[in-house]
Amino acid sequence: MTTGAKKFREILGSGEFIVSPGVYDGYTIRLVEDAGFKTACTSGAAISNALLGIADIGVMGLTENVNHCRNLARSVSIPLTADADNGYGNPVNVYHTVRMFEEAGVAGINLEDQVSPKRCGHMPGKAVVKPAEMVKKIEAACMARRDDDFVIIARTDSLAMEGIEGAVKRARAYAKAGADMIFPDAVRNEDDIKRIVDAAGIPVTINMGFGIRHRPTTPLIPLPRLKEIGVRRISLPRMLPAAAIHAMKTALSVMREVAETGVPVNREDLLVGIEDIMAVMDYEEMRALEKKLTTFDVDAVFE
């Protein structure tokens, strides 16, 4: 059986520009696969927001994250990379973190150089560990993986504190330590991206956030331009949560109005039908399996 890690390596090795929407639950990852995307990535922030109902400030633990990612990875056939935050401790912790995520069936992990407790990469107040400590974490991650195809994505949040020069030095060091991809978060402009691409010598992935809407941090850069300057993958961690929140706020507003006025409405423009929900979650496959496994001839057993 071809693993998710093997599939991701094959896509990466093909030279294809990779677009990985961020997912956080069964609906989002199935919709990403149904839409034809070849990979997905978890958003640690979105999982923390959705599961715990709080900001992404490092409260979500390793076991919560791994268990959730296991459920996501097994529900689709496309490879899924996971956000492993800062590895949940020192290099020894990172070793076990990698083992657990690999056993969960994901294709690889993001490993960031923030101190604990970490926070969303686009929030103020971040701090990073010394480069030497992150190098040891990357070495531990590479040592821990049993499958060489399992991808170690080294994320650096150093731009905000050390500027582009510091981020470039870290990218070189992380690549030398064995990282498979470099992920500079909260990049400020095209020049930052190009300098890191040129320095890294390995594939670079960029967080494009909403993907189809501007935000205050990383600018919304056209995909052809990102490809031109050498980016190999983009992640879209905030696109689906933002779309879902927009749709849910609209539906709730309409429902509140209906509750107050008592006037019924049928807003098919706002909501999919139950058949669409069942299609996303593949109820037909479940019914076929039920028919195959629960229909039997009692008399035939004794023939």
C-alpha atoms as a PDB file:
ATOM      1  CA  MET A   1       0.000   0.000   0.000  1.00  0.00           C
ATOM      2  CA  THR A   2       1.286   3.445  -0.928  1.00  0.00           C
ATOM      3  CA  THR A   3       1.534   5.624   2.166  1.00  0.00           C
ATOM      4  CA  GLY A   4       0.495   9.259   2.398  1.00  0.00           C
ATOM      5  CA  ALA A   5       4.153  10.162   2.874  1.00  0.00           C
ATOM      6  CA  LYS A   6       5.085   8.333  -0.347  1.00  0.00           C
ATOM      7  CA  LYS A   7       2.295  10.094  -2.252  1.00  0.00           C
ATOM      8  CA  PHE A   8       3.411  13.484  -0.972  1.00  0.00           C
ATOM      9  CA  ARG A   9       7.040  12.763  -1.918  1.00  0.00           C
ATOM     10  CA  GLU A  10       5.951  11.789  -5.408  1.00  0.00           C
ATOM     11  CA  ILE A  11       4.025  15.041  -5.848  1.00  0.00           C
ATOM     12  CA  LEU A  12       6.944  17.025  -4.455  1.00  0.00           C
ATOM     13  CA  GLY A  13       9.389  15.182  -6.696  1.00  0.00           C
ATOM     14  CA  SER A  14       7.290  15.831  -9.791  1.00  0.00           C
ATOM     15  CA  GLY A  15       8.073  19.542  -9.640  1.00  0.00           C
ATOM     16  CA  GLU A  16       4.369  20.351  -9.553  1.00  0.00           C
ATOM     17  CA  PHE A  17       3.332  23.530  -7.712  1.00  0.00           C
ATOM     18  CA  ILE A  18       1.424  22.301  -4.661  1.00  0.00           C
ATOM     19  CA  VAL A  19      -1.646  24.013  -3.202  1.00  0.00           C
ATOM     20  CA  SER A  20      -2.610  22.607   0.210  1.00  0.00           C
ATOM     21  CA  PRO A  21      -5.810  23.972   1.756  1.00  0.00           C
ATOM     22  CA  GLY A  22      -5.870  23.955   5.533  1.00  0.00           C
ATOM     23  CA  VAL A  23      -8.341  21.564   7.173  1.00  0.00           C
ATOM     24  CA  TYR A  24      -9.585  21.039  10.693  1.00  0.00           C
ATOM     25  CA  ASP A  25     -12.453  18.501  10.626  1.00  0.00           C
ATOM     26  CA  GLY A  26     -14.054  15.702   8.613  1.00  0.00           C
ATOM     27  CA  TYR A  27     -16.115  18.022   6.465  1.00  0.00           C
ATOM     28  CA  THR A  28     -13.204  20.230   5.435  1.00  0.00           C
ATOM     29  CA  ILE A  29     -10.796  17.453   4.515  1.00  0.00           C
ATOM     30  CA  ARG A  30     -13.407  15.549   2.508  1.00  0.00           C
ATOM     31  CA  LEU A  31     -14.409  18.721   0.683  1.00  0.00           C
ATOM     32  CA  VAL A  32     -10.758  19.423  -0.181  1.00  0.00           C
ATOM     33  CA  GLU A  33     -10.386  15.953  -1.684  1.00  0.00           C
ATOM     34  CA  ASP A  34     -13.729  16.238  -3.517  1.00  0.00           C
ATOM     35  CA  ALA A  35     -12.639  19.590  -4.975  1.00  0.00           C
ATOM     36  CA  GLY A  36      -9.681  17.898  -6.648  1.00  0.00           C
ATOM     37  CA  PHE A  37      -6.787  19.124  -4.514  1.00  0.00           C
ATOM     38  CA  LYS A  38      -3.968  16.594  -4.327  1.00  0.00           C
ATOM     39  CA  THR A  39      -2.874  17.399  -0.775  1.00  0.00           C
ATOM     40  CA  ALA A  40      -4.176  19.028   2.390  1.00  0.00           C
ATOM     41  CA  CYS A  41      -2.590  20.310   5.580  1.00  0.00           C
ATOM     42  CA  THR A  42      -3.983  20.716   9.040  1.00  0.00           C
ATOM     43  CA  SER A  43      -4.169  24.152  10.588  1.00  0.00           C
ATOM     44  CA  GLY A  44      -3.107  23.927  14.209  1.00  0.00           C
ATOM     45  CA  ALA A  45      -4.798  27.252  14.850  1.00  0.00           C
ATOM     46  CA  ALA A  46      -8.073  26.092  13.309  1.00  0.00           C
ATOM     47  CA  ILE A  47      -8.018  22.787  15.206  1.00  0.00           C
ATOM     48  CA  SER A  48      -7.312  24.616  18.459  1.00  0.00           C
ATOM     49  CA  ASN A  49     -10.072  27.137  17.730  1.00  0.00           C
ATOM     50  CA  ALA A  50     -12.590  24.457  16.699  1.00  0.00           C
ATOM     51  CA  LEU A  51     -11.835  21.833  19.360  1.00  0.00           C
ATOM     52  CA  LEU A  52     -11.096  24.017  22.363  1.00  0.00           C
ATOM     53  CA  GLY A  53     -12.924  27.222  21.479  1.00  0.00           C
ATOM     54  CA  ILE A  54      -9.880  29.357  22.328  1.00  0.00           C
ATOM     55  CA  ALA A  55      -7.127  31.259  20.540  1.00  0.00           C
ATOM     56  CA  ASP A  56      -4.061  29.458  19.191  1.00  0.00           C
ATOM     57  CA  ILE A  57      -1.762  30.094  22.162  1.00  0.00           C
ATOM     58  CA  GLY A  58      -0.238  26.670  22.711  1.00  0.00           C
ATOM     59  CA  VAL A  59      -2.911  25.181  24.963  1.00  0.00           C
ATOM     60  CA  MET A  60      -3.786  22.246  22.688  1.00  0.00           C
ATOM     61  CA  GLY A  61      -1.673  19.228  23.613  1.00  0.00           C
ATOM     62  CA  LEU A  62       0.162  16.578  21.616  1.00  0.00           C
ATOM     63  CA  THR A  63      -2.355  13.773  22.181  1.00  0.00           C
ATOM     64  CA  GLU A  64      -5.338  15.949  21.254  1.00  0.00           C
ATOM     65  CA  ASN A  65      -3.599  17.017  18.055  1.00  0.00           C
ATOM     66  CA  VAL A  66      -2.373  13.553  17.038  1.00  0.00           C
ATOM     67  CA  ASN A  67      -5.714  11.855  17.676  1.00  0.00           C
ATOM     68  CA  HIS A  68      -7.560  14.470  15.657  1.00  0.00           C
ATOM     69  CA  CYS A  69      -5.077  14.217  12.779  1.00  0.00           C
ATOM     70  CA  ARG A  70      -5.378  10.424  12.777  1.00  0.00           C
ATOM     71  CA  ASN A  71      -9.108  10.699  12.165  1.00  0.00           C
ATOM     72  CA  LEU A  72      -8.570  13.186   9.352  1.00  0.00           C
ATOM     73  CA  ALA A  73      -5.818  11.202   7.627  1.00  0.00           C
ATOM     74  CA  ARG A  74      -7.794   7.946   7.553  1.00  0.00           C
ATOM     75  CA  SER A  75     -10.896   9.590   6.059  1.00  0.00           C
ATOM     76  CA  VAL A  76      -9.349  10.502   2.683  1.00  0.00           C
ATOM     77  CA  SER A  77      -6.925   9.120   0.134  1.00  0.00           C
ATOM     78  CA  ILE A  78      -4.905  12.304  -0.432  1.00  0.00           C
ATOM     79  CA  PRO A  79      -1.779  12.935   1.678  1.00  0.00           C
ATOM     80  CA  LEU A  80      -2.193  15.147   4.731  1.00  0.00           C
ATOM     81  CA  THR A  81       0.589  17.055   6.454  1.00  0.00           C
ATOM     82  CA  ALA A  82       0.071  18.046  10.079  1.00  0.00           C
ATOM     83  CA  ASP A  83       0.934  21.060  12.186  1.00  0.00           C
ATOM     84  CA  ALA A  84       2.987  19.743  15.118  1.00  0.00           C
ATOM     85  CA  ASP A  85       3.565  23.195  16.624  1.00  0.00           C
ATOM     86  CA  ASN A  86       7.034  23.358  18.233  1.00  0.00           C
ATOM     87  CA  GLY A  87       7.277  19.618  18.856  1.00  0.00           C
ATOM     88  CA  TYR A  88       5.887  19.823  22.380  1.00  0.00           C
ATOM     89  CA  GLY A  89       9.190  20.187  24.193  1.00  0.00           C
ATOM     90  CA  ASN A  90      12.898  19.550  23.718  1.00  0.00           C
ATOM     91  CA  PRO A  91      14.530  17.337  21.041  1.00  0.00           C
ATOM     92  CA  VAL A  92      13.651  14.179  22.972  1.00  0.00           C
ATOM     93  CA  ASN A  93       9.999  15.232  23.005  1.00  0.00           C
ATOM     94  CA  VAL A  94      10.257  15.959  19.281  1.00  0.00           C
ATOM     95  CA  TYR A  95      11.529  12.426  18.689  1.00  0.00           C
ATOM     96  CA  HIS A  96       8.397  10.951  20.232  1.00  0.00           C
ATOM     97  CA  THR A  97       6.169  13.572  18.602  1.00  0.00           C
ATOM     98  CA  VAL A  98       7.365  12.475  15.160  1.00  0.00           C
ATOM     99  CA  ARG A  99       6.826   8.806  16.003  1.00  0.00           C
ATOM    100  CA  MET A 100       3.246   9.520  17.080  1.00  0.00           C
ATOM    101  CA  PHE A 101       2.334  11.603  14.028  1.00  0.00           C
ATOM    102  CA  GLU A 102       3.903   9.068  11.677  1.00  0.00           C
ATOM    103  CA  GLU A 103       1.891   6.280  13.322  1.00  0.00           C
ATOM    104  CA  ALA A 104      -1.233   8.425  12.851  1.00  0.00           C
ATOM    105  CA  GLY A 105      -0.833   8.149   9.079  1.00  0.00           C
ATOM    106  CA  VAL A 106       0.013  11.726   8.142  1.00  0.00           C
ATOM    107  CA  ALA A 107       2.541  12.452   5.397  1.00  0.00           C
ATOM    108  CA  GLY A 108       4.734  14.809   7.408  1.00  0.00           C
ATOM    109  CA  ILE A 109       4.731  17.577   9.987  1.00  0.00           C
ATOM    110  CA  ASN A 110       5.464  21.261  10.418  1.00  0.00           C
ATOM    111  CA  LEU A 111       7.971  21.794  13.210  1.00  0.00           C
ATOM    112  CA  GLU A 112       8.428  25.410  14.285  1.00  0.00           C
ATOM    113  CA  ASP A 113      11.157  27.246  16.170  1.00  0.00           C
ATOM    114  CA  GLN A 114       8.945  29.131  18.609  1.00  0.00           C
ATOM    115  CA  VAL A 115       9.416  28.896  22.374  1.00  0.00           C
ATOM    116  CA  SER A 116       6.735  27.346  24.582  1.00  0.00           C
ATOM    117  CA  PRO A 117       3.979  28.299  24.868  1.00  0.00           C
ATOM    118  CA  LYS A 118       3.808  29.022  21.149  1.00  0.00           C
ATOM    119  CA  ARG A 119       1.240  31.183  19.427  1.00  0.00           C
ATOM    120  CA  CYS A 120      -0.251  31.738  15.991  1.00  0.00           C
ATOM    121  CA  GLY A 121       2.494  32.841  13.622  1.00  0.00           C
ATOM    122  CA  HIS A 122       0.609  35.991  12.672  1.00  0.00           C
ATOM    123  CA  MET A 123       0.059  37.161  16.258  1.00  0.00           C
ATOM    124  CA  PRO A 124       2.340  39.656  18.038  1.00  0.00           C
ATOM    125  CA  GLY A 125       4.454  38.595  20.999  1.00  0.00           C
ATOM    126  CA  LYS A 126       6.230  35.635  19.423  1.00  0.00           C
ATOM    127  CA  ALA A 127       9.658  34.433  20.561  1.00  0.00           C
ATOM    128  CA  VAL A 128      11.977  31.862  19.020  1.00  0.00           C
ATOM    129  CA  VAL A 129      14.510  29.397  20.398  1.00  0.00           C
ATOM    130  CA  LYS A 130      18.208  29.598  19.582  1.00  0.00           C
ATOM    131  CA  PRO A 131      19.056  28.232  16.124  1.00  0.00           C
ATOM    132  CA  ALA A 132      21.186  25.470  17.679  1.00  0.00           C
ATOM    133  CA  GLU A 133      18.211  24.158  19.657  1.00  0.00           C
ATOM    134  CA  MET A 134      16.009  24.044  16.569  1.00  0.00           C
ATOM    135  CA  VAL A 135      18.766  22.268  14.637  1.00  0.00           C
ATOM    136  CA  LYS A 136      18.799  19.541  17.300  1.00  0.00           C
ATOM    137  CA  LYS A 137      15.005  19.274  17.047  1.00  0.00           C
ATOM    138  CA  ILE A 138      15.233  18.768  13.294  1.00  0.00           C
ATOM    139  CA  GLU A 139      17.958  16.158  13.744  1.00  0.00           C
ATOM    140  CA  ALA A 140      15.775  14.397  16.316  1.00  0.00           C
ATOM    141  CA  ALA A 141      12.812  14.481  13.932  1.00  0.00           C
ATOM    142  CA  CYS A 142      14.833  12.961  11.096  1.00  0.00           C
ATOM    143  CA  MET A 143      16.226  10.288  13.436  1.00  0.00           C
ATOM    144  CA  ALA A 144      12.760   9.394  14.721  1.00  0.00           C
ATOM    145  CA  ARG A 145      10.976   8.770  11.445  1.00  0.00           C
ATOM    146  CA  ARG A 146      10.833   5.157  10.387  1.00  0.00           C
ATOM    147  CA  ASP A 147       9.786   6.013   6.821  1.00  0.00           C
ATOM    148  CA  ASP A 148      12.294   8.175   4.949  1.00  0.00           C
ATOM    149  CA  ASP A 149       9.395   9.553   2.887  1.00  0.00           C
ATOM    150  CA  PHE A 150       7.881  11.183   5.999  1.00  0.00           C
ATOM    151  CA  VAL A 151       8.385  14.924   5.423  1.00  0.00           C
ATOM    152  CA  ILE A 152       9.959  17.234   8.009  1.00  0.00           C
ATOM    153  CA  ILE A 153       8.882  20.810   7.295  1.00  0.00           C
ATOM    154  CA  ALA A 154      10.994  23.241   9.313  1.00  0.00           C
ATOM    155  CA  ARG A 155       9.088  26.414  10.056  1.00  0.00           C
ATOM    156  CA  THR A 156      10.783  29.582  11.217  1.00  0.00           C
ATOM    157  CA  ASP A 157       8.961  32.453  12.897  1.00  0.00           C
ATOM    158  CA  SER A 158      12.164  34.479  13.180  1.00  0.00           C
ATOM    159  CA  LEU A 159      11.374  37.193  10.636  1.00  0.00           C
ATOM    160  CA  ALA A 160       9.509  39.276  13.203  1.00  0.00           C
ATOM    161  CA  MET A 161      12.409  39.214  15.670  1.00  0.00           C
ATOM    162  CA  GLU A 162      15.577  38.772  13.598  1.00  0.00           C
ATOM    163  CA  GLY A 163      14.613  40.188  10.211  1.00  0.00           C
ATOM    164  CA  ILE A 164      15.336  38.621   6.860  1.00  0.00           C
ATOM    165  CA  GLU A 165      19.028  38.099   7.606  1.00  0.00           C
ATOM    166  CA  GLY A 166      18.232  35.966  10.635  1.00  0.00           C
ATOM    167  CA  ALA A 167      15.566  34.028   8.763  1.00  0.00           C
ATOM    168  CA  VAL A 168      17.964  33.296   5.890  1.00  0.00           C
ATOM    169  CA  LYS A 169      20.631  32.003   8.291  1.00  0.00           C
ATOM    170  CA  ARG A 170      18.082  29.779   9.980  1.00  0.00           C
ATOM    171  CA  ALA A 171      16.802  28.447   6.648  1.00  0.00           C
ATOM    172  CA  ARG A 172      20.326  27.389   5.683  1.00  0.00           C
ATOM    173  CA  ALA A 173      20.956  25.790   9.080  1.00  0.00           C
ATOM    174  CA  TYR A 174      17.637  23.931   9.099  1.00  0.00           C
ATOM    175  CA  ALA A 175      18.198  22.583   5.594  1.00  0.00           C
ATOM    176  CA  LYS A 176      21.679  21.415   6.571  1.00  0.00           C
ATOM    177  CA  ALA A 177      20.201  19.670   9.634  1.00  0.00           C
ATOM    178  CA  GLY A 178      18.039  17.503   7.377  1.00  0.00           C
ATOM    179  CA  ALA A 179      14.741  19.347   6.915  1.00  0.00           C
ATOM    180  CA  ASP A 180      12.882  18.468   3.708  1.00  0.00           C
ATOM    181  CA  MET A 181      11.111  21.815   3.321  1.00  0.00           C
ATOM    182  CA  ILE A 182      11.536  25.302   4.769  1.00  0.00           C
ATOM    183  CA  PHE A 183       8.476  27.223   5.924  1.00  0.00           C
ATOM    184  CA  PRO A 184       9.140  30.895   6.728  1.00  0.00           C
ATOM    185  CA  ASP A 185       5.965  32.191   8.362  1.00  0.00           C
ATOM    186  CA  ALA A 186       4.591  35.728   8.286  1.00  0.00           C
ATOM    187  CA  VAL A 187       6.754  36.752   5.337  1.00  0.00           C
ATOM    188  CA  ARG A 188       6.386  40.421   4.531  1.00  0.00           C
ATOM    189  CA  ASN A 189       6.969  40.650   0.782  1.00  0.00           C
ATOM    190  CA  GLU A 190       8.208  38.922  -2.359  1.00  0.00           C
ATOM    191  CA  ASP A 191      11.816  39.861  -1.648  1.00  0.00           C
ATOM    192  CA  ASP A 192      11.719  38.001   1.693  1.00  0.00           C
ATOM    193  CA  ILE A 193      10.388  34.919  -0.062  1.00  0.00           C
ATOM    194  CA  LYS A 194      12.937  35.044  -2.876  1.00  0.00           C
ATOM    195  CA  ARG A 195      15.874  35.432  -0.516  1.00  0.00           C
ATOM    196  CA  ILE A 196      14.798  32.419   1.525  1.00  0.00           C
ATOM    197  CA  VAL A 197      14.144  30.342  -1.608  1.00  0.00           C
ATOM    198  CA  ASP A 198      17.626  31.203  -2.903  1.00  0.00           C
ATOM    199  CA  ALA A 199      19.258  30.445   0.449  1.00  0.00           C
ATOM    200  CA  ALA A 200      17.463  27.249   1.428  1.00  0.00           C
ATOM    201  CA  GLY A 201      18.505  24.937  -1.381  1.00  0.00           C
ATOM    202  CA  ILE A 202      15.462  22.756  -0.634  1.00  0.00           C
ATOM    203  CA  PRO A 203      11.739  23.265  -1.368  1.00  0.00           C
ATOM    204  CA  VAL A 204      10.074  26.252   0.298  1.00  0.00           C
ATOM    205  CA  THR A 205       6.431  26.436   1.353  1.00  0.00           C
ATOM    206  CA  ILE A 206       4.617  29.710   2.028  1.00  0.00           C
ATOM    207  CA  ASN A 207       1.531  30.349   4.147  1.00  0.00           C
ATOM    208  CA  MET A 208      -0.950  32.240   1.949  1.00  0.00           C
ATOM    209  CA  GLY A 209      -3.522  32.365   4.733  1.00  0.00           C
ATOM    210  CA  PHE A 210      -6.909  33.118   3.198  1.00  0.00           C
ATOM    211  CA  GLY A 211      -5.734  32.509  -0.372  1.00  0.00           C
ATOM    212  CA  ILE A 212      -8.526  34.544  -1.957  1.00  0.00           C
ATOM    213  CA  ARG A 213      -8.642  37.530   0.406  1.00  0.00           C
ATOM    214  CA  HIS A 214      -6.062  40.034   1.622  1.00  0.00           C
ATOM    215  CA  ARG A 215      -4.872  40.043   5.233  1.00  0.00           C
ATOM    216  CA  PRO A 216      -2.677  42.452   7.230  1.00  0.00           C
ATOM    217  CA  THR A 217       0.489  40.306   7.291  1.00  0.00           C
ATOM    218  CA  THR A 218       1.732  38.281   4.297  1.00  0.00           C
ATOM    219  CA  PRO A 219       0.500  39.935   1.074  1.00  0.00           C
ATOM    220  CA  LEU A 220      -1.743  38.094  -1.364  1.00  0.00           C
ATOM    221  CA  ILE A 221       0.721  37.166  -4.117  1.00  0.00           C
ATOM    222  CA  PRO A 222      -0.483  35.624  -7.416  1.00  0.00           C
ATOM    223  CA  LEU A 223       0.367  31.942  -7.776  1.00  0.00           C
ATOM    224  CA  PRO A 224       2.232  32.400 -11.095  1.00  0.00           C
ATOM    225  CA  ARG A 225       4.517  34.904  -9.366  1.00  0.00           C
ATOM    226  CA  LEU A 226       5.166  32.543  -6.449  1.00  0.00           C
ATOM    227  CA  LYS A 227       6.051  29.797  -8.905  1.00  0.00           C
ATOM    228  CA  GLU A 228       8.317  32.194 -10.785  1.00  0.00           C
ATOM    229  CA  ILE A 229      10.358  33.008  -7.672  1.00  0.00           C
ATOM    230  CA  GLY A 230      10.732  29.336  -6.806  1.00  0.00           C
ATOM    231  CA  VAL A 231       8.091  28.537  -4.185  1.00  0.00           C
ATOM    232  CA  ARG A 232       7.107  24.849  -4.324  1.00  0.00           C
ATOM    233  CA  ARG A 233       4.013  24.794  -2.128  1.00  0.00           C
ATOM    234  CA  ILE A 234       1.506  27.131  -0.541  1.00  0.00           C
ATOM    235  CA  SER A 235      -0.703  26.369   2.438  1.00  0.00           C
ATOM    236  CA  LEU A 236      -4.082  28.012   3.029  1.00  0.00           C
ATOM    237  CA  PRO A 237      -4.708  27.479   6.752  1.00  0.00           C
ATOM    238  CA  ARG A 238      -7.334  30.166   7.232  1.00  0.00           C
ATOM    239  CA  MET A 239      -9.373  29.947   4.005  1.00  0.00           C
ATOM    240  CA  LEU A 240     -11.870  27.260   5.018  1.00  0.00           C
ATOM    241  CA  PRO A 241     -12.415  28.457   8.618  1.00  0.00           C
ATOM    242  CA  ALA A 242     -13.023  31.958   7.271  1.00  0.00           C
ATOM    243  CA  ALA A 243     -15.466  30.697   4.641  1.00  0.00           C
ATOM    244  CA  ALA A 244     -17.301  28.564   7.196  1.00  0.00           C
ATOM    245  CA  ILE A 245     -17.570  31.404   9.716  1.00  0.00           C
ATOM    246  CA  HIS A 246     -18.931  33.757   7.041  1.00  0.00           C
ATOM    247  CA  ALA A 247     -21.574  31.236   5.956  1.00  0.00           C
ATOM    248  CA  MET A 248     -22.566  30.277   9.491  1.00  0.00           C
ATOM    249  CA  LYS A 249     -22.905  33.895  10.616  1.00  0.00           C
ATOM    250  CA  THR A 250     -25.176  34.589   7.650  1.00  0.00           C
ATOM    251  CA  ALA A 251     -27.357  31.525   8.287  1.00  0.00           C
ATOM    252  CA  LEU A 252     -27.628  32.293  12.002  1.00  0.00           C
ATOM    253  CA  SER A 253     -28.622  35.881  11.292  1.00  0.00           C
ATOM    254  CA  VAL A 254     -31.399  34.717   8.972  1.00  0.00           C
ATOM    255  CA  MET A 255     -32.545  32.114  11.509  1.00  0.00           C
ATOM    256  CA  ARG A 256     -32.621  34.724  14.261  1.00  0.00           C
ATOM    257  CA  GLU A 257     -34.854  36.901  12.079  1.00  0.00           C
ATOM    258  CA  VAL A 258     -37.153  33.942  11.386  1.00  0.00           C
ATOM    259  CA  ALA A 259     -37.367  33.196  15.102  1.00  0.00           C
ATOM    260  CA  GLU A 260     -38.322  36.790  15.873  1.00  0.00           C
ATOM    261  CA  THR A 261     -40.847  37.321  13.049  1.00  0.00           C
ATOM    262  CA  GLY A 262     -42.310  33.829  12.819  1.00  0.00           C
ATOM    263  CA  VAL A 263     -42.254  34.117   9.021  1.00  0.00           C
ATOM    264  CA  PRO A 264     -40.830  30.923   7.478  1.00  0.00           C
ATOM    265  CA  VAL A 265     -38.261  31.145   4.704  1.00  0.00           C
ATOM    266  CA  ASN A 266     -36.632  28.641   2.361  1.00  0.00           C
ATOM    267  CA  ARG A 267     -33.081  29.848   1.701  1.00  0.00           C
ATOM    268  CA  GLU A 268     -31.612  27.279  -0.633  1.00  0.00           C
ATOM    269  CA  ASP A 269     -29.014  29.881  -1.566  1.00  0.00           C
ATOM    270  CA  LEU A 270     -27.586  29.694   1.963  1.00  0.00           C
ATOM    271  CA  LEU A 271     -27.702  26.002   2.779  1.00  0.00           C
ATOM    272  CA  VAL A 272     -26.929  22.776   0.969  1.00  0.00           C
ATOM    273  CA  GLY A 273     -29.474  19.971   1.197  1.00  0.00           C
ATOM    274  CA  ILE A 274     -29.229  16.865   3.334  1.00  0.00           C
ATOM    275  CA  GLU A 275     -28.325  14.929   0.200  1.00  0.00           C
ATOM    276  CA  ASP A 276     -25.230  17.111  -0.174  1.00  0.00           C
ATOM    277  CA  ILE A 277     -24.157  16.429   3.400  1.00  0.00           C
ATOM    278  CA  MET A 278     -24.620  12.713   2.848  1.00  0.00           C
ATOM    279  CA  ALA A 279     -22.630  12.884  -0.387  1.00  0.00           C
ATOM    280  CA  VAL A 280     -19.692  14.598   1.308  1.00  0.00           C
ATOM    281  CA  MET A 281     -19.631  11.966   4.049  1.00  0.00           C
ATOM    282  CA  ASP A 282     -20.185   9.109   1.549  1.00  0.00           C
ATOM    283  CA  TYR A 283     -23.336   7.603   3.002  1.00  0.00           C
ATOM    284  CA  GLU A 284     -23.707   5.523  -0.181  1.00  0.00           C
ATOM    285  CA  GLU A 285     -20.515   3.649   0.615  1.00  0.00           C
ATOM    286  CA  MET A 286     -21.791   3.017   4.133  1.00  0.00           C
ATOM    287  CA  ARG A 287     -25.086   1.667   2.817  1.00  0.00           C
ATOM    288  CA  ALA A 288     -23.302  -0.578   0.328  1.00  0.00           C
ATOM    289  CA  LEU A 289     -21.108  -1.934   3.095  1.00  0.00           C
ATOM    290  CA  GLU A 290     -24.138  -2.546   5.304  1.00  0.00           C
ATOM    291  CA  LYS A 291     -25.883  -4.406   2.490  1.00  0.00           C
ATOM    292  CA  LYS A 292     -22.845  -6.558   1.861  1.00  0.00           C
ATOM    293  CA  LEU A 293     -22.091  -7.397   5.487  1.00  0.00           C
ATOM    294  CA  THR A 294     -25.497  -7.575   7.141  1.00  0.00           C
ATOM    295  CA  THR A 295     -27.546  -9.389   4.489  1.00  0.00           C
ATOM    296  CA  PHE A 296     -27.239 -13.152   4.843  1.00  0.00           C
ATOM    297  CA  ASP A 297     -29.132 -16.398   4.254  1.00  0.00           C
ATOM    298  CA  VAL A 298     -29.626 -18.267   7.538  1.00  0.00           C
ATOM    299  CA  ASP A 299     -30.357 -21.572   5.772  1.00  0.00           C
ATOM    300  CA  ALA A 300     -27.236 -21.326   3.652  1.00  0.00           C
ATOM    301  CA  VAL A 301     -25.049 -21.373   6.773  1.00  0.00           C
ATOM    302  CA  PHE A 302     -26.110 -24.958   7.510  1.00  0.00           C
ATOM    303  CA  GLU A 303     -25.875 -26.332   3.989  1.00  0.00           C
END
